[in-house]
Amino acid sequence: MINKGSITLDSERLTLRKLKETDAEEVFKNWTSDDEVSKYVRWSTHKNVEETREWLRQEEKNCKSKNYYTWGIVLKETRELIGCISAIFRQEED
């Protein structure tokens, strides 16, 4: 497998792109502050936008690796960042 990392991907309705620290306000408003969202994921609800900003700083660092796959999901019609998605690959030995 040739790893390309979180390159931008487009479909008819969506753009998948790297998350950025500058997305913090929109990300906090749209999902990281929502208790209903966080009960289905591995992280706890963010209490303030600074928690989201710190998470996004880490995401920006992680996305420098070609082995890291996390994207922000942008609805093309409104250009709204509506969520995120990750893919994790595990290479088994033997």
C-alpha atoms as a PDB file:
ATOM      1  CA  MET A   1       0.000   0.000   0.000  1.00  0.00           C
ATOM      2  CA  ILE A   2       1.234   3.456  -0.872  1.00  0.00           C
ATOM      3  CA  ASN A   3       0.326   5.830   1.950  1.00  0.00           C
ATOM      4  CA  LYS A   4      -0.731   9.308   0.858  1.00  0.00           C
ATOM      5  CA  GLY A   5      -2.149  10.626   4.115  1.00  0.00           C
ATOM      6  CA  SER A   6      -5.185  12.870   4.412  1.00  0.00           C
ATOM      7  CA  ILE A   7      -5.210  14.218   0.873  1.00  0.00           C
ATOM      8  CA  THR A   8      -8.273  16.192  -0.220  1.00  0.00           C
ATOM      9  CA  LEU A   9     -11.037  14.015  -1.664  1.00  0.00           C
ATOM     10  CA  ASP A  10     -14.168  15.183  -3.470  1.00  0.00           C
ATOM     11  CA  SER A  11     -17.526  13.645  -4.243  1.00  0.00           C
ATOM     12  CA  GLU A  12     -20.572  15.259  -5.797  1.00  0.00           C
ATOM     13  CA  ARG A  13     -21.830  16.508  -2.403  1.00  0.00           C
ATOM     14  CA  LEU A  14     -18.818  16.471  -0.081  1.00  0.00           C
ATOM     15  CA  THR A  15     -15.198  17.509   0.230  1.00  0.00           C
ATOM     16  CA  LEU A  16     -12.970  15.638   2.670  1.00  0.00           C
ATOM     17  CA  ARG A  17     -10.009  17.759   3.740  1.00  0.00           C
ATOM     18  CA  LYS A  18      -7.471  18.141   6.501  1.00  0.00           C
ATOM     19  CA  LEU A  19      -8.702  19.847   9.632  1.00  0.00           C
ATOM     20  CA  LYS A  20      -7.022  23.115  10.653  1.00  0.00           C
ATOM     21  CA  GLU A  21      -6.754  25.051  13.898  1.00  0.00           C
ATOM     22  CA  THR A  22      -8.632  27.888  12.200  1.00  0.00           C
ATOM     23  CA  ASP A  23     -11.686  25.574  12.021  1.00  0.00           C
ATOM     24  CA  ALA A  24     -12.013  25.615  15.821  1.00  0.00           C
ATOM     25  CA  GLU A  25     -15.106  27.837  16.171  1.00  0.00           C
ATOM     26  CA  GLU A  26     -17.091  25.936  13.529  1.00  0.00           C
ATOM     27  CA  VAL A  27     -15.988  22.505  14.778  1.00  0.00           C
ATOM     28  CA  PHE A  28     -16.876  23.389  18.372  1.00  0.00           C
ATOM     29  CA  LYS A  29     -20.287  24.739  17.320  1.00  0.00           C
ATOM     30  CA  ASN A  30     -21.106  21.835  14.994  1.00  0.00           C
ATOM     31  CA  TRP A  31     -19.970  18.754  16.905  1.00  0.00           C
ATOM     32  CA  THR A  32     -17.260  18.749  19.589  1.00  0.00           C
ATOM     33  CA  SER A  33     -19.517  20.578  22.081  1.00  0.00           C
ATOM     34  CA  ASP A  34     -22.458  18.211  21.493  1.00  0.00           C
ATOM     35  CA  ASP A  35     -23.079  15.542  24.152  1.00  0.00           C
ATOM     36  CA  GLU A  36     -25.147  13.502  21.687  1.00  0.00           C
ATOM     37  CA  VAL A  37     -22.170  13.288  19.327  1.00  0.00           C
ATOM     38  CA  SER A  38     -19.544  12.507  21.941  1.00  0.00           C
ATOM     39  CA  LYS A  39     -21.411   9.515  23.360  1.00  0.00           C
ATOM     40  CA  TYR A  40     -20.615   7.666  20.097  1.00  0.00           C
ATOM     41  CA  VAL A  41     -16.907   8.536  19.806  1.00  0.00           C
ATOM     42  CA  ARG A  42     -13.689   8.004  21.748  1.00  0.00           C
ATOM     43  CA  TRP A  43     -13.403  11.552  23.139  1.00  0.00           C
ATOM     44  CA  SER A  44     -15.416  13.524  25.683  1.00  0.00           C
ATOM     45  CA  THR A  45     -17.521  16.578  24.903  1.00  0.00           C
ATOM     46  CA  HIS A  46     -15.354  19.689  24.652  1.00  0.00           C
ATOM     47  CA  LYS A  47     -16.229  22.241  27.317  1.00  0.00           C
ATOM     48  CA  ASN A  48     -14.903  25.242  25.396  1.00  0.00           C
ATOM     49  CA  VAL A  49     -13.491  26.214  22.031  1.00  0.00           C
ATOM     50  CA  GLU A  50      -9.930  26.154  23.409  1.00  0.00           C
ATOM     51  CA  GLU A  51     -10.207  22.369  23.933  1.00  0.00           C
ATOM     52  CA  THR A  52     -11.245  22.053  20.302  1.00  0.00           C
ATOM     53  CA  ARG A  53      -8.416  24.350  19.203  1.00  0.00           C
ATOM     54  CA  GLU A  54      -5.871  22.198  21.061  1.00  0.00           C
ATOM     55  CA  TRP A  55      -7.272  19.013  19.473  1.00  0.00           C
ATOM     56  CA  LEU A  56      -7.046  20.619  16.033  1.00  0.00           C
ATOM     57  CA  ARG A  57      -3.428  21.646  16.670  1.00  0.00           C
ATOM     58  CA  GLN A  58      -2.654  17.985  17.341  1.00  0.00           C
ATOM     59  CA  GLU A  59      -4.577  16.917  14.235  1.00  0.00           C
ATOM     60  CA  GLU A  60      -2.500  19.305  12.117  1.00  0.00           C
ATOM     61  CA  LYS A  61       0.682  17.746  13.499  1.00  0.00           C
ATOM     62  CA  ASN A  62      -0.610  14.200  12.963  1.00  0.00           C
ATOM     63  CA  CYS A  63      -1.645  14.918   9.370  1.00  0.00           C
ATOM     64  CA  LYS A  64       1.962  15.624   8.424  1.00  0.00           C
ATOM     65  CA  SER A  65       2.423  11.849   8.446  1.00  0.00           C
ATOM     66  CA  LYS A  66       1.556   9.974   5.257  1.00  0.00           C
ATOM     67  CA  ASN A  67       0.249   7.153   7.496  1.00  0.00           C
ATOM     68  CA  TYR A  68      -2.432   9.304   9.159  1.00  0.00           C
ATOM     69  CA  TYR A  69      -5.957   9.507   7.771  1.00  0.00           C
ATOM     70  CA  THR A  70      -8.396  12.001   9.275  1.00  0.00           C
ATOM     71  CA  TRP A  71     -10.588  14.371   7.291  1.00  0.00           C
ATOM     72  CA  GLY A  72     -13.001  17.179   7.977  1.00  0.00           C
ATOM     73  CA  ILE A  73     -16.271  16.660   6.088  1.00  0.00           C
ATOM     74  CA  VAL A  74     -17.430  19.760   4.202  1.00  0.00           C
ATOM     75  CA  LEU A  75     -20.891  19.987   2.683  1.00  0.00           C
ATOM     76  CA  LYS A  76     -20.238  21.579  -0.722  1.00  0.00           C
ATOM     77  CA  GLU A  77     -23.671  23.197  -0.992  1.00  0.00           C
ATOM     78  CA  THR A  78     -23.119  25.360   2.118  1.00  0.00           C
ATOM     79  CA  ARG A  79     -19.335  25.028   2.612  1.00  0.00           C
ATOM     80  CA  GLU A  80     -20.136  24.020   6.185  1.00  0.00           C
ATOM     81  CA  LEU A  81     -17.778  21.730   8.086  1.00  0.00           C
ATOM     82  CA  ILE A  82     -20.247  19.137   9.380  1.00  0.00           C
ATOM     83  CA  GLY A  83     -18.051  16.440  10.947  1.00  0.00           C
ATOM     84  CA  CYS A  84     -14.891  14.398  10.659  1.00  0.00           C
ATOM     85  CA  ILE A  85     -13.911  10.855   9.788  1.00  0.00           C
ATOM     86  CA  SER A  86     -10.786   8.747  10.282  1.00  0.00           C
ATOM     87  CA  ALA A  87      -9.425   5.521   8.892  1.00  0.00           C
ATOM     88  CA  ILE A  88      -7.019   3.427  10.928  1.00  0.00           C
ATOM     89  CA  PHE A  89      -4.944   0.730   9.310  1.00  0.00           C
ATOM     90  CA  ARG A  90      -3.283  -1.977  11.346  1.00  0.00           C
ATOM     91  CA  GLN A  91      -0.531  -4.014   9.862  1.00  0.00           C
ATOM     92  CA  GLU A  92      -0.481  -7.438  11.462  1.00  0.00           C
ATOM     93  CA  GLU A  93       2.797  -9.246  11.872  1.00  0.00           C
ATOM     94  CA  ASP A  94       3.147 -12.679  10.285  1.00  0.00           C
END
